[in-house]
N, C-alpha and C. Protein backbone atom coordinates (compact mmCIF):
# COMPACT_ATOMS: atom_id res chain seq x y z
N MET A 1 -6.02 59.72 39.10
CA MET A 1 -5.68 59.81 37.72
C MET A 1 -5.56 58.40 37.13
N ILE A 2 -6.08 58.21 35.95
CA ILE A 2 -5.97 56.93 35.26
C ILE A 2 -4.92 57.07 34.18
N SER A 3 -4.02 56.11 34.11
CA SER A 3 -3.03 56.09 33.05
C SER A 3 -3.29 54.87 32.18
N PHE A 4 -3.37 55.07 30.89
CA PHE A 4 -3.54 53.94 29.99
C PHE A 4 -2.17 53.48 29.55
N LEU A 5 -1.94 52.22 29.69
CA LEU A 5 -0.69 51.62 29.25
C LEU A 5 -1.02 50.71 28.07
N SER A 6 -0.04 50.24 27.38
CA SER A 6 -0.33 49.42 26.21
C SER A 6 -1.04 48.14 26.60
N ARG A 7 -2.03 47.78 25.84
CA ARG A 7 -2.83 46.59 26.11
C ARG A 7 -2.05 45.36 25.63
N PRO A 8 -1.85 44.36 26.52
CA PRO A 8 -1.12 43.19 26.09
C PRO A 8 -1.95 42.36 25.12
N GLU A 9 -1.26 41.65 24.29
CA GLU A 9 -1.96 40.74 23.39
C GLU A 9 -2.60 39.66 24.24
N ARG A 10 -3.86 39.40 23.99
CA ARG A 10 -4.55 38.37 24.74
C ARG A 10 -4.77 37.13 23.87
N SER A 11 -4.12 37.10 22.72
CA SER A 11 -4.30 35.96 21.84
C SER A 11 -3.62 34.74 22.43
N CYS A 12 -4.07 33.59 22.02
CA CYS A 12 -3.49 32.34 22.51
C CYS A 12 -2.19 32.07 21.78
N ALA A 13 -1.28 31.46 22.49
CA ALA A 13 0.01 31.09 21.90
C ALA A 13 0.36 29.68 22.34
N LEU A 14 1.00 28.95 21.47
CA LEU A 14 1.42 27.60 21.80
C LEU A 14 2.79 27.69 22.47
N SER A 15 2.88 27.10 23.66
CA SER A 15 4.15 27.11 24.38
C SER A 15 4.50 25.67 24.73
N ALA A 16 5.64 25.49 25.40
CA ALA A 16 6.05 24.16 25.82
C ALA A 16 5.03 23.54 26.78
N GLU A 17 4.29 24.39 27.50
CA GLU A 17 3.29 23.91 28.45
C GLU A 17 1.92 23.75 27.80
N GLY A 18 1.80 24.01 26.52
CA GLY A 18 0.51 23.90 25.83
C GLY A 18 -0.02 25.28 25.48
N LEU A 19 -1.33 25.36 25.23
CA LEU A 19 -1.97 26.60 24.84
C LEU A 19 -2.03 27.54 26.05
N SER A 20 -1.60 28.77 25.87
CA SER A 20 -1.62 29.72 26.98
C SER A 20 -2.10 31.08 26.50
N THR A 21 -2.60 31.87 27.42
CA THR A 21 -3.05 33.22 27.15
C THR A 21 -2.26 34.16 28.05
N LYS A 22 -1.91 35.31 27.51
CA LYS A 22 -1.18 36.31 28.29
C LYS A 22 -2.11 36.89 29.36
N LEU A 23 -1.64 36.95 30.61
CA LEU A 23 -2.42 37.49 31.71
C LEU A 23 -2.46 39.01 31.63
N GLY A 24 -3.66 39.59 31.72
CA GLY A 24 -3.82 41.04 31.75
C GLY A 24 -3.81 41.52 33.19
N VAL A 25 -3.01 42.53 33.48
CA VAL A 25 -2.83 43.02 34.84
C VAL A 25 -3.20 44.50 34.91
N LEU A 26 -4.03 44.85 35.90
CA LEU A 26 -4.36 46.23 36.22
C LEU A 26 -3.55 46.61 37.45
N LEU A 27 -2.75 47.66 37.35
CA LEU A 27 -1.92 48.13 38.45
C LEU A 27 -2.62 49.27 39.17
N ALA A 28 -2.84 49.10 40.46
CA ALA A 28 -3.49 50.13 41.28
C ALA A 28 -2.53 50.51 42.39
N ASP A 29 -1.77 51.59 42.15
CA ASP A 29 -0.73 51.97 43.09
C ASP A 29 -0.52 53.48 43.05
N ARG A 30 -0.20 54.04 44.22
CA ARG A 30 -0.03 55.49 44.36
C ARG A 30 1.36 55.99 43.98
N ASP A 31 2.30 55.08 43.74
CA ASP A 31 3.69 55.46 43.48
C ASP A 31 4.02 55.33 41.99
N PRO A 32 4.11 56.45 41.26
CA PRO A 32 4.34 56.39 39.82
C PRO A 32 5.65 55.69 39.43
N ALA A 33 6.69 55.83 40.23
CA ALA A 33 7.97 55.17 39.92
C ALA A 33 7.83 53.65 40.03
N PHE A 34 7.12 53.20 41.05
CA PHE A 34 6.90 51.76 41.22
C PHE A 34 6.05 51.23 40.06
N VAL A 35 5.01 51.96 39.69
CA VAL A 35 4.16 51.55 38.56
C VAL A 35 4.98 51.48 37.28
N ALA A 36 5.85 52.46 37.05
CA ALA A 36 6.67 52.45 35.83
C ALA A 36 7.58 51.23 35.78
N SER A 37 8.18 50.87 36.91
CA SER A 37 9.05 49.70 36.92
C SER A 37 8.25 48.42 36.72
N LEU A 38 7.05 48.36 37.30
CA LEU A 38 6.18 47.19 37.10
C LEU A 38 5.77 47.09 35.63
N PHE A 39 5.39 48.22 35.05
CA PHE A 39 4.97 48.20 33.64
C PHE A 39 6.09 47.70 32.74
N THR A 40 7.30 48.18 32.97
CA THR A 40 8.45 47.74 32.17
C THR A 40 8.64 46.23 32.29
N CYS A 41 8.57 45.73 33.51
CA CYS A 41 8.73 44.30 33.74
C CYS A 41 7.63 43.50 33.05
N LEU A 42 6.40 43.95 33.20
CA LEU A 42 5.27 43.21 32.61
C LEU A 42 5.30 43.28 31.09
N ALA A 43 5.73 44.42 30.56
CA ALA A 43 5.76 44.59 29.10
C ALA A 43 6.74 43.65 28.43
N THR A 44 7.77 43.23 29.16
CA THR A 44 8.79 42.36 28.58
C THR A 44 8.59 40.89 28.94
N HIS A 45 7.55 40.59 29.69
CA HIS A 45 7.32 39.19 30.10
C HIS A 45 6.41 38.50 29.10
N PRO A 46 6.74 37.29 28.70
CA PRO A 46 5.93 36.60 27.69
C PRO A 46 4.56 36.12 28.17
N SER A 47 4.35 36.06 29.50
CA SER A 47 3.09 35.51 30.01
C SER A 47 2.15 36.53 30.62
N MET A 48 2.55 37.80 30.65
CA MET A 48 1.70 38.81 31.28
C MET A 48 1.97 40.17 30.68
N GLY A 49 1.02 41.09 30.88
CA GLY A 49 1.19 42.45 30.41
C GLY A 49 0.26 43.39 31.15
N ALA A 50 0.67 44.66 31.28
CA ALA A 50 -0.14 45.65 31.97
C ALA A 50 -1.22 46.18 31.03
N LEU A 51 -2.45 46.24 31.53
CA LEU A 51 -3.55 46.83 30.77
C LEU A 51 -3.62 48.32 31.00
N ALA A 52 -3.51 48.71 32.29
CA ALA A 52 -3.63 50.12 32.66
C ALA A 52 -3.16 50.27 34.10
N SER A 53 -3.07 51.52 34.55
CA SER A 53 -2.79 51.77 35.95
C SER A 53 -3.72 52.86 36.45
N VAL A 54 -4.01 52.79 37.74
CA VAL A 54 -4.78 53.83 38.41
C VAL A 54 -4.01 54.18 39.68
N ASP A 55 -4.13 55.43 40.12
CA ASP A 55 -3.42 55.83 41.33
C ASP A 55 -4.38 56.25 42.44
N GLU A 56 -5.65 55.92 42.27
CA GLU A 56 -6.69 56.30 43.23
C GLU A 56 -7.74 55.21 43.26
N GLY A 57 -8.15 54.82 44.46
CA GLY A 57 -9.10 53.73 44.60
C GLY A 57 -10.42 53.94 43.89
N GLY A 58 -10.87 55.18 43.80
CA GLY A 58 -12.14 55.48 43.13
C GLY A 58 -12.13 55.14 41.65
N ASP A 59 -10.97 55.20 41.02
CA ASP A 59 -10.86 54.89 39.60
C ASP A 59 -10.74 53.39 39.33
N LEU A 60 -10.40 52.64 40.34
CA LEU A 60 -10.11 51.22 40.18
C LEU A 60 -11.28 50.42 39.64
N LEU A 61 -12.45 50.58 40.25
CA LEU A 61 -13.60 49.75 39.86
C LEU A 61 -14.03 50.01 38.42
N SER A 62 -14.12 51.28 38.03
CA SER A 62 -14.53 51.56 36.65
C SER A 62 -13.52 51.02 35.65
N ARG A 63 -12.25 51.11 35.98
CA ARG A 63 -11.22 50.60 35.08
C ARG A 63 -11.26 49.06 35.02
N ALA A 64 -11.51 48.41 36.15
CA ALA A 64 -11.61 46.95 36.17
C ALA A 64 -12.81 46.48 35.35
N ILE A 65 -13.92 47.18 35.47
CA ILE A 65 -15.12 46.83 34.69
C ILE A 65 -14.84 47.01 33.20
N GLN A 66 -14.16 48.08 32.85
CA GLN A 66 -13.85 48.37 31.45
C GLN A 66 -12.86 47.36 30.85
N ASP A 67 -11.76 47.09 31.56
CA ASP A 67 -10.68 46.28 31.00
C ASP A 67 -10.79 44.78 31.30
N LYS A 68 -11.52 44.42 32.35
CA LYS A 68 -11.65 43.02 32.76
C LYS A 68 -10.30 42.31 32.83
N PRO A 69 -9.41 42.81 33.70
CA PRO A 69 -8.10 42.18 33.83
C PRO A 69 -8.22 40.80 34.49
N ASP A 70 -7.19 40.01 34.35
CA ASP A 70 -7.12 38.73 35.07
C ASP A 70 -6.70 38.96 36.51
N ILE A 71 -5.81 39.93 36.70
CA ILE A 71 -5.22 40.22 38.01
C ILE A 71 -5.28 41.73 38.27
N VAL A 72 -5.60 42.10 39.51
CA VAL A 72 -5.44 43.48 39.97
C VAL A 72 -4.38 43.47 41.06
N CYS A 73 -3.31 44.24 40.85
CA CYS A 73 -2.28 44.42 41.87
C CYS A 73 -2.63 45.70 42.61
N LEU A 74 -2.99 45.56 43.88
CA LEU A 74 -3.63 46.64 44.63
C LEU A 74 -2.79 47.09 45.82
N ASP A 75 -2.36 48.33 45.80
CA ASP A 75 -1.63 48.97 46.89
C ASP A 75 -2.53 48.98 48.12
N THR A 76 -2.06 48.38 49.23
CA THR A 76 -2.89 48.34 50.45
C THR A 76 -3.08 49.71 51.07
N GLY A 77 -2.27 50.70 50.68
CA GLY A 77 -2.40 52.06 51.18
C GLY A 77 -2.98 53.02 50.16
N MET A 78 -3.72 52.49 49.21
CA MET A 78 -4.29 53.28 48.12
C MET A 78 -5.22 54.37 48.65
N PRO A 79 -5.06 55.62 48.17
CA PRO A 79 -5.99 56.68 48.58
C PRO A 79 -7.36 56.50 47.92
N GLY A 80 -8.35 57.16 48.47
CA GLY A 80 -9.70 57.02 47.93
C GLY A 80 -10.34 55.77 48.50
N LEU A 81 -10.98 55.00 47.67
CA LEU A 81 -11.57 53.72 48.06
C LEU A 81 -10.46 52.84 48.62
N ASN A 82 -10.57 52.41 49.88
CA ASN A 82 -9.46 51.66 50.46
C ASN A 82 -9.36 50.25 49.89
N ALA A 83 -8.23 49.61 50.13
CA ALA A 83 -7.93 48.31 49.53
C ALA A 83 -8.93 47.23 49.95
N LEU A 84 -9.37 47.26 51.20
CA LEU A 84 -10.34 46.27 51.67
C LEU A 84 -11.67 46.43 50.94
N ALA A 85 -12.18 47.65 50.87
CA ALA A 85 -13.45 47.88 50.18
C ALA A 85 -13.32 47.54 48.69
N ALA A 86 -12.20 47.90 48.09
CA ALA A 86 -11.99 47.60 46.67
C ALA A 86 -11.95 46.09 46.44
N THR A 87 -11.28 45.36 47.32
CA THR A 87 -11.23 43.89 47.20
C THR A 87 -12.63 43.30 47.31
N ARG A 88 -13.39 43.78 48.27
CA ARG A 88 -14.77 43.27 48.44
C ARG A 88 -15.62 43.54 47.19
N TYR A 89 -15.56 44.77 46.69
CA TYR A 89 -16.34 45.11 45.50
C TYR A 89 -15.92 44.27 44.30
N LEU A 90 -14.61 44.16 44.08
CA LEU A 90 -14.13 43.36 42.95
C LEU A 90 -14.57 41.91 43.08
N HIS A 91 -14.45 41.37 44.28
CA HIS A 91 -14.85 39.97 44.51
C HIS A 91 -16.34 39.77 44.26
N GLU A 92 -17.12 40.79 44.58
CA GLU A 92 -18.57 40.71 44.40
C GLU A 92 -19.00 40.90 42.94
N ILE A 93 -18.48 41.93 42.26
CA ILE A 93 -18.97 42.25 40.93
C ILE A 93 -18.19 41.57 39.79
N LEU A 94 -16.93 41.25 40.05
CA LEU A 94 -16.09 40.58 39.04
C LEU A 94 -15.29 39.46 39.72
N PRO A 95 -15.97 38.40 40.16
CA PRO A 95 -15.29 37.37 40.96
C PRO A 95 -14.18 36.63 40.23
N GLU A 96 -14.16 36.71 38.91
CA GLU A 96 -13.10 36.04 38.16
C GLU A 96 -11.76 36.77 38.25
N ILE A 97 -11.77 38.03 38.66
CA ILE A 97 -10.54 38.80 38.81
C ILE A 97 -9.88 38.44 40.13
N LYS A 98 -8.59 38.16 40.08
CA LYS A 98 -7.81 37.85 41.28
C LYS A 98 -7.10 39.12 41.75
N VAL A 99 -7.12 39.33 43.07
CA VAL A 99 -6.49 40.52 43.66
C VAL A 99 -5.22 40.10 44.39
N ILE A 100 -4.15 40.83 44.12
CA ILE A 100 -2.89 40.65 44.84
C ILE A 100 -2.58 41.96 45.54
N GLY A 101 -2.44 41.92 46.87
CA GLY A 101 -2.12 43.12 47.63
C GLY A 101 -0.64 43.45 47.56
N LEU A 102 -0.34 44.75 47.50
CA LEU A 102 1.03 45.25 47.58
C LEU A 102 1.16 45.96 48.92
N TRP A 103 1.88 45.35 49.85
CA TRP A 103 1.94 45.82 51.24
C TRP A 103 3.25 46.53 51.52
N GLU A 104 3.16 47.65 52.22
CA GLU A 104 4.36 48.41 52.61
C GLU A 104 5.18 47.62 53.63
N GLY A 105 4.51 46.90 54.51
CA GLY A 105 5.19 46.09 55.52
C GLY A 105 5.41 46.83 56.81
N GLY A 106 5.46 46.07 57.91
CA GLY A 106 5.85 46.61 59.20
C GLY A 106 4.79 47.23 60.06
N ASP A 107 3.74 47.78 59.53
CA ASP A 107 2.74 48.51 60.29
C ASP A 107 1.61 47.56 60.72
N LEU A 108 1.33 47.51 62.03
CA LEU A 108 0.31 46.61 62.56
C LEU A 108 -1.08 46.93 61.99
N ALA A 109 -1.41 48.21 61.86
CA ALA A 109 -2.72 48.58 61.29
C ALA A 109 -2.82 48.09 59.85
N ASP A 110 -1.74 48.24 59.09
CA ASP A 110 -1.73 47.76 57.71
C ASP A 110 -1.83 46.24 57.66
N LEU A 111 -1.21 45.56 58.62
CA LEU A 111 -1.30 44.09 58.68
C LEU A 111 -2.75 43.67 58.91
N ARG A 112 -3.44 44.37 59.78
CA ARG A 112 -4.87 44.05 60.00
C ARG A 112 -5.67 44.26 58.72
N ALA A 113 -5.38 45.33 58.00
CA ALA A 113 -6.06 45.60 56.73
C ALA A 113 -5.74 44.50 55.72
N LEU A 114 -4.48 44.07 55.70
CA LEU A 114 -4.08 43.00 54.80
C LEU A 114 -4.81 41.70 55.12
N LEU A 115 -4.89 41.35 56.40
CA LEU A 115 -5.61 40.14 56.80
C LEU A 115 -7.08 40.22 56.38
N ALA A 116 -7.67 41.40 56.55
CA ALA A 116 -9.06 41.59 56.13
C ALA A 116 -9.20 41.45 54.61
N MET A 117 -8.22 41.95 53.85
CA MET A 117 -8.24 41.79 52.38
C MET A 117 -8.21 40.31 52.00
N LEU A 118 -7.37 39.54 52.67
CA LEU A 118 -7.28 38.11 52.38
C LEU A 118 -8.61 37.42 52.72
N GLU A 119 -9.20 37.79 53.84
CA GLU A 119 -10.51 37.24 54.21
C GLU A 119 -11.59 37.64 53.21
N ALA A 120 -11.44 38.82 52.59
CA ALA A 120 -12.43 39.31 51.63
C ALA A 120 -12.24 38.71 50.24
N GLY A 121 -11.19 37.91 50.05
CA GLY A 121 -11.02 37.23 48.77
C GLY A 121 -9.75 37.51 48.01
N ALA A 122 -8.84 38.33 48.56
CA ALA A 122 -7.57 38.55 47.87
C ALA A 122 -6.84 37.22 47.75
N ALA A 123 -6.17 37.01 46.63
CA ALA A 123 -5.51 35.74 46.34
C ALA A 123 -4.03 35.75 46.70
N GLY A 124 -3.52 36.89 47.14
CA GLY A 124 -2.11 36.93 47.48
C GLY A 124 -1.67 38.30 47.94
N CYS A 125 -0.42 38.35 48.38
CA CYS A 125 0.16 39.61 48.82
C CYS A 125 1.67 39.51 48.78
N VAL A 126 2.29 40.60 48.36
CA VAL A 126 3.74 40.74 48.41
C VAL A 126 4.07 42.09 49.04
N THR A 127 5.26 42.20 49.60
CA THR A 127 5.71 43.48 50.12
C THR A 127 6.40 44.26 49.00
N ARG A 128 6.48 45.54 49.18
CA ARG A 128 7.18 46.36 48.20
C ARG A 128 8.66 45.98 48.13
N LYS A 129 9.22 45.50 49.25
CA LYS A 129 10.62 45.08 49.26
C LYS A 129 10.87 43.92 48.28
N GLU A 130 9.84 43.12 48.04
CA GLU A 130 9.98 42.01 47.10
C GLU A 130 10.17 42.54 45.68
N GLY A 131 9.69 43.75 45.45
CA GLY A 131 9.88 44.41 44.16
C GLY A 131 9.19 43.72 43.01
N VAL A 132 9.66 44.02 41.84
CA VAL A 132 9.07 43.54 40.60
C VAL A 132 9.15 42.01 40.50
N ALA A 133 10.29 41.44 40.88
CA ALA A 133 10.46 39.98 40.77
C ALA A 133 9.45 39.25 41.66
N GLY A 134 9.25 39.74 42.87
CA GLY A 134 8.28 39.12 43.77
C GLY A 134 6.86 39.23 43.26
N LEU A 135 6.54 40.39 42.71
CA LEU A 135 5.20 40.57 42.17
C LEU A 135 4.98 39.69 40.95
N ARG A 136 6.00 39.56 40.13
CA ARG A 136 5.89 38.69 38.96
C ARG A 136 5.62 37.24 39.39
N ARG A 137 6.33 36.77 40.43
CA ARG A 137 6.08 35.41 40.96
C ARG A 137 4.64 35.28 41.45
N ALA A 138 4.16 36.32 42.14
CA ALA A 138 2.79 36.29 42.66
C ALA A 138 1.77 36.24 41.52
N ILE A 139 1.98 37.07 40.50
CA ILE A 139 1.05 37.11 39.36
C ILE A 139 0.98 35.75 38.68
N LEU A 140 2.13 35.15 38.43
CA LEU A 140 2.13 33.83 37.79
C LEU A 140 1.52 32.76 38.69
N GLY A 141 1.86 32.78 39.98
CA GLY A 141 1.30 31.79 40.90
C GLY A 141 -0.21 31.87 40.99
N VAL A 142 -0.72 33.08 41.12
CA VAL A 142 -2.16 33.29 41.25
C VAL A 142 -2.87 33.14 39.91
N GLY A 143 -2.36 33.82 38.90
CA GLY A 143 -3.05 33.88 37.61
C GLY A 143 -2.90 32.66 36.74
N ARG A 144 -1.74 32.09 36.70
CA ARG A 144 -1.50 30.96 35.82
C ARG A 144 -1.77 29.62 36.50
N TYR A 145 -1.42 29.54 37.79
CA TYR A 145 -1.50 28.25 38.48
C TYR A 145 -2.60 28.17 39.53
N GLY A 146 -3.34 29.27 39.73
CA GLY A 146 -4.46 29.26 40.65
C GLY A 146 -4.09 29.10 42.11
N LYS A 147 -2.90 29.49 42.48
CA LYS A 147 -2.41 29.35 43.85
C LYS A 147 -2.66 30.62 44.66
N ILE A 148 -2.73 30.45 45.97
CA ILE A 148 -2.67 31.59 46.89
C ILE A 148 -1.19 31.90 47.06
N TYR A 149 -0.82 33.17 46.96
CA TYR A 149 0.60 33.51 47.03
C TYR A 149 0.83 34.55 48.12
N LEU A 150 1.68 34.20 49.08
CA LEU A 150 2.14 35.14 50.09
C LEU A 150 3.65 35.10 50.09
N CYS A 151 4.30 36.24 49.95
CA CYS A 151 5.75 36.25 50.04
C CYS A 151 6.15 35.87 51.46
N GLU A 152 7.42 35.57 51.66
CA GLU A 152 7.88 35.06 52.95
C GLU A 152 7.57 36.00 54.11
N GLU A 153 7.82 37.29 53.94
CA GLU A 153 7.57 38.23 55.03
C GLU A 153 6.09 38.30 55.38
N VAL A 154 5.24 38.33 54.38
CA VAL A 154 3.78 38.38 54.63
C VAL A 154 3.33 37.09 55.30
N ALA A 155 3.79 35.94 54.80
CA ALA A 155 3.41 34.66 55.40
C ALA A 155 3.81 34.61 56.87
N SER A 156 5.02 35.08 57.20
CA SER A 156 5.48 35.10 58.59
C SER A 156 4.61 36.00 59.45
N GLU A 157 4.27 37.18 58.93
CA GLU A 157 3.44 38.13 59.69
C GLU A 157 2.02 37.57 59.89
N VAL A 158 1.47 36.96 58.84
CA VAL A 158 0.12 36.39 58.93
C VAL A 158 0.10 35.26 59.97
N LEU A 159 1.08 34.37 59.91
CA LEU A 159 1.13 33.26 60.87
C LEU A 159 1.31 33.77 62.29
N ALA A 160 2.13 34.79 62.48
CA ALA A 160 2.35 35.36 63.81
C ALA A 160 1.08 36.02 64.35
N ALA A 161 0.23 36.52 63.46
CA ALA A 161 -1.00 37.21 63.87
C ALA A 161 -2.12 36.24 64.24
N LEU A 162 -1.98 34.98 63.85
CA LEU A 162 -3.04 34.00 64.14
C LEU A 162 -3.05 33.54 65.57
């Protein structure tokens, strides 16, 4: 199912840091409560806003092509088109879009999928435990500052897996 959320203003605004544009975010997650809390957070943030949400991997690509978000926040356990395949497709057809994985944490199979997503071009990952605040830090780090962002738990797991 695709849910349309309010489109953030993409107009330029003068800030203390100079000219800036609001980051458009596409939320791809199977948990409606988590999506609702993310949308509320993004809707009130001056530097980012939710464009839309999808709860199935098959809807993700068409929505990304339509909306051309700056960031896709992608549930690593998304049904339908899996997160690795979605990351690869997005990286291939819309390389300007940055992907941030949303990881449940703890599962070795999921960790392998997460590592593969990072190898396929994902720009960051946070765990669900990090919540909205952690995701907001990741979005700003990746979207505004061009950084690779891994929350502490993900960074520890990735380093341990090497």
